[in-house]
Amino acid sequence: MISVIIPAHNESNVIGRCVEAILADARPGELEIIVATNGCTDRTAEVAVAAAAGGPLRVVDCPHASKPAALNAGDAAARGFPRAYVDADIIIDTASLRAIAAVLDNGEAMVAASTAETRFLPRTSWAVRAFYAFWQALPYVRSHMIAAGVYAIGSEGRRRFDVFPPVVSDDGFIRLQFSPKERVEAPGARSIVTAPTNLGDLIRIRTRSRAGWLDLRDRYPQAFRSEARRKNYLAAFVITALRPRLIAPALIYVFVVAVSRMRAGRLVARGGEYQWERDLSSRGLA
């Protein structure tokens, strides 16, 4: 049985489609879904239960908004392996979860993810589309398990660590636990990530990504240095030189990265608890 853990904080606008996609082709006893609500003030739990339509879904609740706490609560309630950890705004179908589970069951990897496909809403700006055009062309993104909102771990891999620590980037933490040879994007597994519709929301989520990067650097310096060495920034310039149509997207990319790094640096320098930043536009909330 595949256990699917979905941490959710005020995700009533998107969690229904997430649950429906996961259960669309599920066989009896094949899946269990655990929605770990945390600090919700909306109808996330009710929408999730309705979307499951009597299927194998349970809700566990954490009183405070904390993704790591939600992941740990979901883990504690889960009964099966492998375990897939899925963000509530992601769309992944039953077949893709099966493909991920097959890779882990066959011992081909310790941790596996789907290949993320970016979906753009009709109102998504040109600048956002340009950013993703360049980002998706980067060798590091194309050749590493990025785990954009979905990753799964088998029983052996799950013994690699105790609990999810209070980090900003849980997927980054998972990457640091496994070598490149131990992680893979499962063939045939696809998930859909909806891009922000505007540059402001894009910068917010990139700031969160950078803050997570800085957090991991400070907490796990040795493992972090090993992972960071695999990023070849020179390759980005080579890509641009060989594909002139990416020159304008490259400029947008550099601008977004520069601004998000500056914002993340200020957040870290201020200290205190990180205030989670997320994209509201793709959720229909902005």
C-alpha atoms as a PDB file:
ATOM      1  CA  MET A   1       0.000   0.000   0.000  1.00  0.00           C
ATOM      2  CA  ILE A   2       1.312   3.413  -0.971  1.00  0.00           C
ATOM      3  CA  SER A   3       0.845   6.031   1.722  1.00  0.00           C
ATOM      4  CA  VAL A   4       0.348   9.538   0.355  1.00  0.00           C
ATOM      5  CA  ILE A   5       0.899  12.341   2.849  1.00  0.00           C
ATOM      6  CA  ILE A   6      -0.404  15.789   1.933  1.00  0.00           C
ATOM      7  CA  PRO A   7       0.523  18.656   4.279  1.00  0.00           C
ATOM      8  CA  ALA A   8      -2.063  21.380   3.863  1.00  0.00           C
ATOM      9  CA  HIS A   9      -2.417  24.886   5.255  1.00  0.00           C
ATOM     10  CA  ASN A  10      -5.513  26.734   3.971  1.00  0.00           C
ATOM     11  CA  GLU A  11      -5.592  24.813   0.691  1.00  0.00           C
ATOM     12  CA  SER A  12      -9.346  24.536   0.173  1.00  0.00           C
ATOM     13  CA  ASN A  13      -9.045  26.053  -3.328  1.00  0.00           C
ATOM     14  CA  VAL A  14      -6.706  23.364  -4.637  1.00  0.00           C
ATOM     15  CA  ILE A  15      -6.764  20.250  -2.469  1.00  0.00           C
ATOM     16  CA  GLY A  16      -9.894  18.843  -4.086  1.00  0.00           C
ATOM     17  CA  ARG A  17      -8.237  18.464  -7.496  1.00  0.00           C
ATOM     18  CA  CYS A  18      -5.134  16.998  -5.825  1.00  0.00           C
ATOM     19  CA  VAL A  19      -7.089  14.264  -4.025  1.00  0.00           C
ATOM     20  CA  GLU A  20      -9.295  13.499  -7.034  1.00  0.00           C
ATOM     21  CA  ALA A  21      -6.285  12.997  -9.319  1.00  0.00           C
ATOM     22  CA  ILE A  22      -4.528  10.692  -6.855  1.00  0.00           C
ATOM     23  CA  LEU A  23      -7.595   8.480  -6.389  1.00  0.00           C
ATOM     24  CA  ALA A  24      -8.891   8.593  -9.975  1.00  0.00           C
ATOM     25  CA  ASP A  25      -7.693   5.096 -10.928  1.00  0.00           C
ATOM     26  CA  ALA A  26      -6.832   3.596  -7.550  1.00  0.00           C
ATOM     27  CA  ARG A  27      -7.586  -0.043  -6.838  1.00  0.00           C
ATOM     28  CA  PRO A  28      -8.997  -1.143  -3.458  1.00  0.00           C
ATOM     29  CA  GLY A  29      -6.250  -1.263  -0.847  1.00  0.00           C
ATOM     30  CA  GLU A  30      -3.656   0.288  -3.156  1.00  0.00           C
ATOM     31  CA  LEU A  31      -3.487   3.729  -1.574  1.00  0.00           C
ATOM     32  CA  GLU A  32      -4.070   5.551   1.649  1.00  0.00           C
ATOM     33  CA  ILE A  33      -4.167   9.339   1.709  1.00  0.00           C
ATOM     34  CA  ILE A  34      -3.418  11.283   4.847  1.00  0.00           C
ATOM     35  CA  VAL A  35      -4.189  14.983   4.712  1.00  0.00           C
ATOM     36  CA  ALA A  36      -2.217  16.684   7.472  1.00  0.00           C
ATOM     37  CA  THR A  37      -3.951  19.994   8.036  1.00  0.00           C
ATOM     38  CA  ASN A  38      -1.958  22.552   9.987  1.00  0.00           C
ATOM     39  CA  GLY A  39      -3.252  25.845  11.290  1.00  0.00           C
ATOM     40  CA  CYS A  40      -6.140  25.865   8.816  1.00  0.00           C
ATOM     41  CA  THR A  41      -8.827  28.511   9.078  1.00  0.00           C
ATOM     42  CA  ASP A  42     -10.691  27.441   5.933  1.00  0.00           C
ATOM     43  CA  ARG A  43     -12.498  24.284   4.746  1.00  0.00           C
ATOM     44  CA  THR A  44      -9.414  22.324   3.667  1.00  0.00           C
ATOM     45  CA  ALA A  45     -10.373  19.183   5.605  1.00  0.00           C
ATOM     46  CA  GLU A  46     -13.998  19.192   4.442  1.00  0.00           C
ATOM     47  CA  VAL A  47     -13.040  19.709   0.794  1.00  0.00           C
ATOM     48  CA  ALA A  48     -10.491  16.889   0.949  1.00  0.00           C
ATOM     49  CA  VAL A  49     -12.978  14.443   2.473  1.00  0.00           C
ATOM     50  CA  ALA A  50     -15.624  15.374  -0.114  1.00  0.00           C
ATOM     51  CA  ALA A  51     -13.133  14.927  -2.973  1.00  0.00           C
ATOM     52  CA  ALA A  52     -12.238  11.442  -1.733  1.00  0.00           C
ATOM     53  CA  ALA A  53     -15.921  10.468  -1.984  1.00  0.00           C
ATOM     54  CA  GLY A  54     -15.591   7.716   0.591  1.00  0.00           C
ATOM     55  CA  GLY A  55     -12.141   6.655  -0.578  1.00  0.00           C
ATOM     56  CA  PRO A  56      -9.182   5.833   1.688  1.00  0.00           C
ATOM     57  CA  LEU A  57      -8.529   9.279   3.130  1.00  0.00           C
ATOM     58  CA  ARG A  58      -7.930  10.362   6.692  1.00  0.00           C
ATOM     59  CA  VAL A  59      -7.367  13.821   8.132  1.00  0.00           C
ATOM     60  CA  VAL A  60      -4.903  14.491  10.944  1.00  0.00           C
ATOM     61  CA  ASP A  61      -4.792  17.984  12.342  1.00  0.00           C
ATOM     62  CA  CYS A  62      -1.936  20.058  13.725  1.00  0.00           C
ATOM     63  CA  PRO A  63      -3.114  23.185  15.535  1.00  0.00           C
ATOM     64  CA  HIS A  64      -0.263  25.404  14.321  1.00  0.00           C
ATOM     65  CA  ALA A  65       0.792  26.278  10.783  1.00  0.00           C
ATOM     66  CA  SER A  66       3.946  24.218  10.261  1.00  0.00           C
ATOM     67  CA  LYS A  67       4.767  22.083   7.245  1.00  0.00           C
ATOM     68  CA  PRO A  68       7.426  19.998   9.080  1.00  0.00           C
ATOM     69  CA  ALA A  69       4.958  19.314  11.902  1.00  0.00           C
ATOM     70  CA  ALA A  70       2.335  18.296   9.342  1.00  0.00           C
ATOM     71  CA  LEU A  71       4.788  15.956   7.580  1.00  0.00           C
ATOM     72  CA  ASN A  72       5.670  14.319  10.893  1.00  0.00           C
ATOM     73  CA  ALA A  73       2.020  13.965  11.911  1.00  0.00           C
ATOM     74  CA  GLY A  74       1.195  12.402   8.559  1.00  0.00           C
ATOM     75  CA  ASP A  75       4.194  10.086   8.830  1.00  0.00           C
ATOM     76  CA  ALA A  76       3.119   8.948  12.285  1.00  0.00           C
ATOM     77  CA  ALA A  77      -0.342   8.097  10.985  1.00  0.00           C
ATOM     78  CA  ALA A  78       0.830   6.348   7.805  1.00  0.00           C
ATOM     79  CA  ARG A  79       0.784   2.567   7.569  1.00  0.00           C
ATOM     80  CA  GLY A  80       2.221   1.807   4.138  1.00  0.00           C
ATOM     81  CA  PHE A  81       5.372   2.039   2.045  1.00  0.00           C
ATOM     82  CA  PRO A  82       6.564   3.604  -0.066  1.00  0.00           C
ATOM     83  CA  ARG A  83       5.504   6.974   1.271  1.00  0.00           C
ATOM     84  CA  ALA A  84       4.803   9.801  -1.124  1.00  0.00           C
ATOM     85  CA  TYR A  85       4.849  13.360   0.143  1.00  0.00           C
ATOM     86  CA  VAL A  86       2.720  15.585  -2.068  1.00  0.00           C
ATOM     87  CA  ASP A  87       2.083  19.318  -1.834  1.00  0.00           C
ATOM     88  CA  ALA A  88      -1.605  20.173  -1.883  1.00  0.00           C
ATOM     89  CA  ASP A  89      -1.335  22.367  -4.985  1.00  0.00           C
ATOM     90  CA  ILE A  90       0.242  19.586  -7.083  1.00  0.00           C
ATOM     91  CA  ILE A  91      -1.657  17.344  -9.497  1.00  0.00           C
ATOM     92  CA  ILE A  92      -0.362  13.779  -9.793  1.00  0.00           C
ATOM     93  CA  ASP A  93      -2.373  10.781 -10.953  1.00  0.00           C
ATOM     94  CA  THR A  94      -2.551   7.192  -9.760  1.00  0.00           C
ATOM     95  CA  ALA A  95      -0.418   5.854 -12.608  1.00  0.00           C
ATOM     96  CA  SER A  96       2.421   8.236 -11.771  1.00  0.00           C
ATOM     97  CA  LEU A  97       2.373   7.180  -8.125  1.00  0.00           C
ATOM     98  CA  ARG A  98       2.544   3.553  -9.268  1.00  0.00           C
ATOM     99  CA  ALA A  99       5.551   4.360 -11.456  1.00  0.00           C
ATOM    100  CA  ILE A 100       7.322   6.007  -8.537  1.00  0.00           C
ATOM    101  CA  ALA A 101       6.522   3.076  -6.242  1.00  0.00           C
ATOM    102  CA  ALA A 102       7.818   0.589  -8.833  1.00  0.00           C
ATOM    103  CA  VAL A 103      11.233   2.295  -8.943  1.00  0.00           C
ATOM    104  CA  LEU A 104      11.507   2.129  -5.156  1.00  0.00           C
ATOM    105  CA  ASP A 105      10.204  -1.430  -4.889  1.00  0.00           C
ATOM    106  CA  ASN A 106      12.703  -2.623  -7.502  1.00  0.00           C
ATOM    107  CA  GLY A 107      15.591  -1.144  -5.543  1.00  0.00           C
ATOM    108  CA  GLU A 108      16.563   1.198  -8.377  1.00  0.00           C
ATOM    109  CA  ALA A 109      16.650   4.151  -5.983  1.00  0.00           C
ATOM    110  CA  MET A 110      16.124   5.134  -2.361  1.00  0.00           C
ATOM    111  CA  VAL A 111      14.063   8.215  -3.124  1.00  0.00           C
ATOM    112  CA  ALA A 112      12.109   8.997  -6.266  1.00  0.00           C
ATOM    113  CA  ALA A 113      10.128  11.848  -7.702  1.00  0.00           C
ATOM    114  CA  SER A 114       7.969  12.622 -10.685  1.00  0.00           C
ATOM    115  CA  THR A 115       9.011  14.820 -13.583  1.00  0.00           C
ATOM    116  CA  ALA A 116       7.378  18.184 -12.979  1.00  0.00           C
ATOM    117  CA  GLU A 117       5.483  19.835 -15.811  1.00  0.00           C
ATOM    118  CA  THR A 118       4.741  23.529 -15.441  1.00  0.00           C
ATOM    119  CA  ARG A 119       1.205  24.622 -16.234  1.00  0.00           C
ATOM    120  CA  PHE A 120       0.502  28.236 -17.103  1.00  0.00           C
ATOM    121  CA  LEU A 121      -2.873  29.836 -16.544  1.00  0.00           C
ATOM    122  CA  PRO A 122      -4.245  32.066 -19.323  1.00  0.00           C
ATOM    123  CA  ARG A 123      -3.433  35.185 -17.297  1.00  0.00           C
ATOM    124  CA  THR A 124       0.183  34.159 -16.589  1.00  0.00           C
ATOM    125  CA  SER A 125       2.522  36.988 -17.581  1.00  0.00           C
ATOM    126  CA  TRP A 126       5.193  36.750 -20.274  1.00  0.00           C
ATOM    127  CA  ALA A 127       7.904  37.381 -17.685  1.00  0.00           C
ATOM    128  CA  VAL A 128       6.878  34.341 -15.626  1.00  0.00           C
ATOM    129  CA  ARG A 129       6.757  32.151 -18.726  1.00  0.00           C
ATOM    130  CA  ALA A 130      10.205  33.410 -19.734  1.00  0.00           C
ATOM    131  CA  PHE A 131      11.664  32.619 -16.303  1.00  0.00           C
ATOM    132  CA  TYR A 132      10.508  29.011 -16.487  1.00  0.00           C
ATOM    133  CA  ALA A 133      11.690  28.622 -20.084  1.00  0.00           C
ATOM    134  CA  PHE A 134      15.233  29.364 -18.947  1.00  0.00           C
ATOM    135  CA  TRP A 135      15.036  27.533 -15.609  1.00  0.00           C
ATOM    136  CA  GLN A 136      13.832  24.324 -17.247  1.00  0.00           C
ATOM    137  CA  ALA A 137      16.753  24.431 -19.693  1.00  0.00           C
ATOM    138  CA  LEU A 138      19.390  24.428 -16.942  1.00  0.00           C
ATOM    139  CA  PRO A 139      21.437  21.197 -16.821  1.00  0.00           C
ATOM    140  CA  TYR A 140      21.074  20.868 -13.041  1.00  0.00           C
ATOM    141  CA  VAL A 141      17.296  21.016 -13.292  1.00  0.00           C
ATOM    142  CA  ARG A 142      17.226  18.542 -16.166  1.00  0.00           C
ATOM    143  CA  SER A 143      19.602  16.017 -14.630  1.00  0.00           C
ATOM    144  CA  HIS A 144      18.789  15.995 -10.908  1.00  0.00           C
ATOM    145  CA  MET A 145      15.805  14.939  -8.851  1.00  0.00           C
ATOM    146  CA  ILE A 146      14.346  18.378  -8.185  1.00  0.00           C
ATOM    147  CA  ALA A 147      11.203  17.007  -6.502  1.00  0.00           C
ATOM    148  CA  ALA A 148       8.980  19.976  -7.240  1.00  0.00           C
ATOM    149  CA  GLY A 149       6.186  19.220  -4.801  1.00  0.00           C
ATOM    150  CA  VAL A 150       6.365  15.407  -4.977  1.00  0.00           C
ATOM    151  CA  TYR A 151       8.866  12.852  -3.699  1.00  0.00           C
ATOM    152  CA  ALA A 152       8.581   9.346  -2.313  1.00  0.00           C
ATOM    153  CA  ILE A 153      10.745   7.228  -0.028  1.00  0.00           C
ATOM    154  CA  GLY A 154      10.839   3.480   0.484  1.00  0.00           C
ATOM    155  CA  SER A 155      11.025   1.800   3.869  1.00  0.00           C
ATOM    156  CA  GLU A 156      14.825   1.482   3.767  1.00  0.00           C
ATOM    157  CA  GLY A 157      15.298   5.083   2.717  1.00  0.00           C
ATOM    158  CA  ARG A 158      12.941   6.304   5.417  1.00  0.00           C
ATOM    159  CA  ARG A 159      15.293   4.867   8.016  1.00  0.00           C
ATOM    160  CA  ARG A 160      17.932   7.307   6.814  1.00  0.00           C
ATOM    161  CA  PHE A 161      16.545  10.012   9.120  1.00  0.00           C
ATOM    162  CA  ASP A 162      14.371  10.209  12.222  1.00  0.00           C
ATOM    163  CA  VAL A 163      11.833  13.002  11.765  1.00  0.00           C
ATOM    164  CA  PHE A 164      11.479  15.955   9.442  1.00  0.00           C
ATOM    165  CA  PRO A 165      13.415  18.797  11.060  1.00  0.00           C
ATOM    166  CA  PRO A 166      12.022  22.345  11.268  1.00  0.00           C
ATOM    167  CA  VAL A 167      13.523  23.436   7.953  1.00  0.00           C
ATOM    168  CA  VAL A 168      12.079  25.708   5.271  1.00  0.00           C
ATOM    169  CA  SER A 169      12.844  23.269   2.440  1.00  0.00           C
ATOM    170  CA  ASP A 170      11.783  19.706   3.182  1.00  0.00           C
ATOM    171  CA  ASP A 171      12.566  18.528  -0.359  1.00  0.00           C
ATOM    172  CA  GLY A 172      16.016  20.119  -0.098  1.00  0.00           C
ATOM    173  CA  PHE A 173      16.550  18.291   3.191  1.00  0.00           C
ATOM    174  CA  ILE A 174      15.592  15.014   1.507  1.00  0.00           C
ATOM    175  CA  ARG A 175      18.052  15.591  -1.343  1.00  0.00           C
ATOM    176  CA  LEU A 176      20.838  16.050   1.196  1.00  0.00           C
ATOM    177  CA  GLN A 177      20.084  12.653   2.757  1.00  0.00           C
ATOM    178  CA  PHE A 178      20.742  10.740  -0.458  1.00  0.00           C
ATOM    179  CA  SER A 179      23.504  10.724  -3.037  1.00  0.00           C
ATOM    180  CA  PRO A 180      22.686  11.407  -6.716  1.00  0.00           C
ATOM    181  CA  LYS A 181      22.911   7.656  -7.392  1.00  0.00           C
ATOM    182  CA  GLU A 182      20.242   6.988  -4.776  1.00  0.00           C
ATOM    183  CA  ARG A 183      17.622   9.377  -6.168  1.00  0.00           C
ATOM    184  CA  VAL A 184      15.833   9.413  -9.461  1.00  0.00           C
ATOM    185  CA  GLU A 185      12.924  10.831 -11.412  1.00  0.00           C
ATOM    186  CA  ALA A 186      10.769   7.780 -12.094  1.00  0.00           C
ATOM    187  CA  PRO A 187      10.202   7.076 -15.799  1.00  0.00           C
ATOM    188  CA  GLY A 188       6.615   7.742 -16.761  1.00  0.00           C
ATOM    189  CA  ALA A 189       5.769   9.643 -13.586  1.00  0.00           C
ATOM    190  CA  ARG A 190       4.450  13.138 -14.234  1.00  0.00           C
ATOM    191  CA  SER A 191       3.109  15.848 -11.970  1.00  0.00           C
ATOM    192  CA  ILE A 192       1.683  19.246 -12.765  1.00  0.00           C
ATOM    193  CA  VAL A 193       2.874  22.398 -11.029  1.00  0.00           C
ATOM    194  CA  THR A 194       0.863  25.552 -11.671  1.00  0.00           C
ATOM    195  CA  ALA A 195       3.123  28.543 -12.133  1.00  0.00           C
ATOM    196  CA  PRO A 196       2.454  31.905 -10.484  1.00  0.00           C
ATOM    197  CA  THR A 197       0.656  34.327 -12.741  1.00  0.00           C
ATOM    198  CA  ASN A 198       2.766  37.384 -11.928  1.00  0.00           C
ATOM    199  CA  LEU A 199       6.340  38.337 -11.177  1.00  0.00           C
ATOM    200  CA  GLY A 200       5.582  39.348  -7.572  1.00  0.00           C
ATOM    201  CA  ASP A 201       4.322  35.898  -6.603  1.00  0.00           C
ATOM    202  CA  LEU A 202       7.179  34.269  -8.494  1.00  0.00           C
ATOM    203  CA  ILE A 203       9.683  36.306  -6.500  1.00  0.00           C
ATOM    204  CA  ARG A 204       7.918  35.304  -3.275  1.00  0.00           C
ATOM    205  CA  ILE A 205       8.259  31.582  -3.931  1.00  0.00           C
ATOM    206  CA  ARG A 206      11.828  31.991  -5.179  1.00  0.00           C
ATOM    207  CA  THR A 207      12.598  33.895  -1.971  1.00  0.00           C
ATOM    208  CA  ARG A 208      11.264  30.929  -0.009  1.00  0.00           C
ATOM    209  CA  SER A 209      13.443  28.608  -2.077  1.00  0.00           C
ATOM    210  CA  ARG A 210      16.523  30.739  -1.422  1.00  0.00           C
ATOM    211  CA  ALA A 211      15.716  31.018   2.289  1.00  0.00           C
ATOM    212  CA  GLY A 212      15.457  27.244   2.389  1.00  0.00           C
ATOM    213  CA  TRP A 213      18.848  27.027   0.654  1.00  0.00           C
ATOM    214  CA  LEU A 214      20.435  29.302   3.268  1.00  0.00           C
ATOM    215  CA  ASP A 215      18.779  27.376   6.082  1.00  0.00           C
ATOM    216  CA  LEU A 216      20.163  24.053   4.833  1.00  0.00           C
ATOM    217  CA  ARG A 217      23.598  25.592   4.305  1.00  0.00           C
ATOM    218  CA  ASP A 218      23.735  26.624   7.962  1.00  0.00           C
ATOM    219  CA  ARG A 219      22.265  23.404   9.382  1.00  0.00           C
ATOM    220  CA  TYR A 220      24.069  20.821   7.244  1.00  0.00           C
ATOM    221  CA  PRO A 221      27.230  22.509   5.907  1.00  0.00           C
ATOM    222  CA  GLN A 222      29.121  19.388   4.815  1.00  0.00           C
ATOM    223  CA  ALA A 223      26.257  17.742   2.934  1.00  0.00           C
ATOM    224  CA  PHE A 224      25.253  21.098   1.526  1.00  0.00           C
ATOM    225  CA  ARG A 225      28.695  21.805   0.072  1.00  0.00           C
ATOM    226  CA  SER A 226      28.667  18.462  -1.717  1.00  0.00           C
ATOM    227  CA  GLU A 227      25.274  19.195  -3.272  1.00  0.00           C
ATOM    228  CA  ALA A 228      26.152  22.777  -4.192  1.00  0.00           C
ATOM    229  CA  ARG A 229      29.220  21.634  -6.153  1.00  0.00           C
ATOM    230  CA  ARG A 230      26.945  19.833  -8.592  1.00  0.00           C
ATOM    231  CA  LYS A 231      25.437  23.109  -9.783  1.00  0.00           C
ATOM    232  CA  ASN A 232      27.341  24.315 -12.831  1.00  0.00           C
ATOM    233  CA  TYR A 233      26.472  27.961 -13.353  1.00  0.00           C
ATOM    234  CA  LEU A 234      28.844  28.245 -16.302  1.00  0.00           C
ATOM    235  CA  ALA A 235      26.580  25.851 -18.169  1.00  0.00           C
ATOM    236  CA  ALA A 236      23.788  28.435 -17.975  1.00  0.00           C
ATOM    237  CA  PHE A 237      25.870  30.902 -19.993  1.00  0.00           C
ATOM    238  CA  VAL A 238      26.734  28.205 -22.527  1.00  0.00           C
ATOM    239  CA  ILE A 239      23.027  27.418 -22.951  1.00  0.00           C
ATOM    240  CA  THR A 240      22.297  31.077 -23.575  1.00  0.00           C
ATOM    241  CA  ALA A 241      25.082  31.401 -26.113  1.00  0.00           C
ATOM    242  CA  LEU A 242      23.935  28.336 -28.023  1.00  0.00           C
ATOM    243  CA  ARG A 243      20.246  29.232 -27.918  1.00  0.00           C
ATOM    244  CA  PRO A 244      19.831  32.962 -28.592  1.00  0.00           C
ATOM    245  CA  ARG A 245      16.076  32.793 -28.037  1.00  0.00           C
ATOM    246  CA  LEU A 246      16.852  32.267 -24.354  1.00  0.00           C
ATOM    247  CA  ILE A 247      18.688  35.591 -23.987  1.00  0.00           C
ATOM    248  CA  ALA A 248      15.584  37.526 -22.903  1.00  0.00           C
ATOM    249  CA  PRO A 249      14.416  34.716 -20.572  1.00  0.00           C
ATOM    250  CA  ALA A 250      17.939  34.624 -19.111  1.00  0.00           C
ATOM    251  CA  LEU A 251      17.693  38.310 -18.210  1.00  0.00           C
ATOM    252  CA  ILE A 252      14.356  37.720 -16.474  1.00  0.00           C
ATOM    253  CA  TYR A 253      15.851  34.739 -14.669  1.00  0.00           C
ATOM    254  CA  VAL A 254      18.835  36.749 -13.445  1.00  0.00           C
ATOM    255  CA  PHE A 255      16.558  39.546 -12.240  1.00  0.00           C
ATOM    256  CA  VAL A 256      14.269  37.188 -10.291  1.00  0.00           C
ATOM    257  CA  VAL A 257      17.215  35.331  -8.768  1.00  0.00           C
ATOM    258  CA  ALA A 258      18.943  38.573  -7.746  1.00  0.00           C
ATOM    259  CA  VAL A 259      15.847  40.038  -6.089  1.00  0.00           C
ATOM    260  CA  SER A 260      14.901  36.806  -4.327  1.00  0.00           C
ATOM    261  CA  ARG A 261      18.451  36.357  -3.025  1.00  0.00           C
ATOM    262  CA  MET A 262      18.425  39.879  -1.635  1.00  0.00           C
ATOM    263  CA  ARG A 263      15.040  39.345   0.046  1.00  0.00           C
ATOM    264  CA  ALA A 264      16.061  35.963   1.471  1.00  0.00           C
ATOM    265  CA  GLY A 265      19.311  37.422   2.795  1.00  0.00           C
ATOM    266  CA  ARG A 266      17.392  40.120   4.630  1.00  0.00           C
ATOM    267  CA  LEU A 267      14.996  37.568   6.116  1.00  0.00           C
ATOM    268  CA  VAL A 268      17.856  35.437   7.397  1.00  0.00           C
ATOM    269  CA  ALA A 269      19.777  38.452   8.727  1.00  0.00           C
ATOM    270  CA  ARG A 270      16.692  39.551  10.672  1.00  0.00           C
ATOM    271  CA  GLY A 271      16.550  36.191  12.429  1.00  0.00           C
ATOM    272  CA  GLY A 272      13.487  34.804  14.138  1.00  0.00           C
ATOM    273  CA  GLU A 273      10.987  32.288  12.807  1.00  0.00           C
ATOM    274  CA  TYR A 274      10.577  32.194   9.043  1.00  0.00           C
ATOM    275  CA  GLN A 275       7.200  33.463   7.823  1.00  0.00           C
ATOM    276  CA  TRP A 276       6.165  31.110   5.025  1.00  0.00           C
ATOM    277  CA  GLU A 277       5.797  32.829   1.655  1.00  0.00           C
ATOM    278  CA  ARG A 278       3.761  31.182  -1.074  1.00  0.00           C
ATOM    279  CA  ASP A 279       2.146  31.887  -4.397  1.00  0.00           C
ATOM    280  CA  LEU A 280      -1.481  32.928  -4.013  1.00  0.00           C
ATOM    281  CA  SER A 281      -2.170  33.755  -7.649  1.00  0.00           C
ATOM    282  CA  SER A 282      -2.154  30.169  -8.933  1.00  0.00           C
ATOM    283  CA  ARG A 283      -4.560  29.226  -6.127  1.00  0.00           C
ATOM    284  CA  GLY A 284      -7.084  31.834  -7.200  1.00  0.00           C
ATOM    285  CA  LEU A 285      -6.477  33.855  -4.036  1.00  0.00           C
ATOM    286  CA  ALA A 286      -4.833  36.878  -5.641  1.00  0.00           C
END
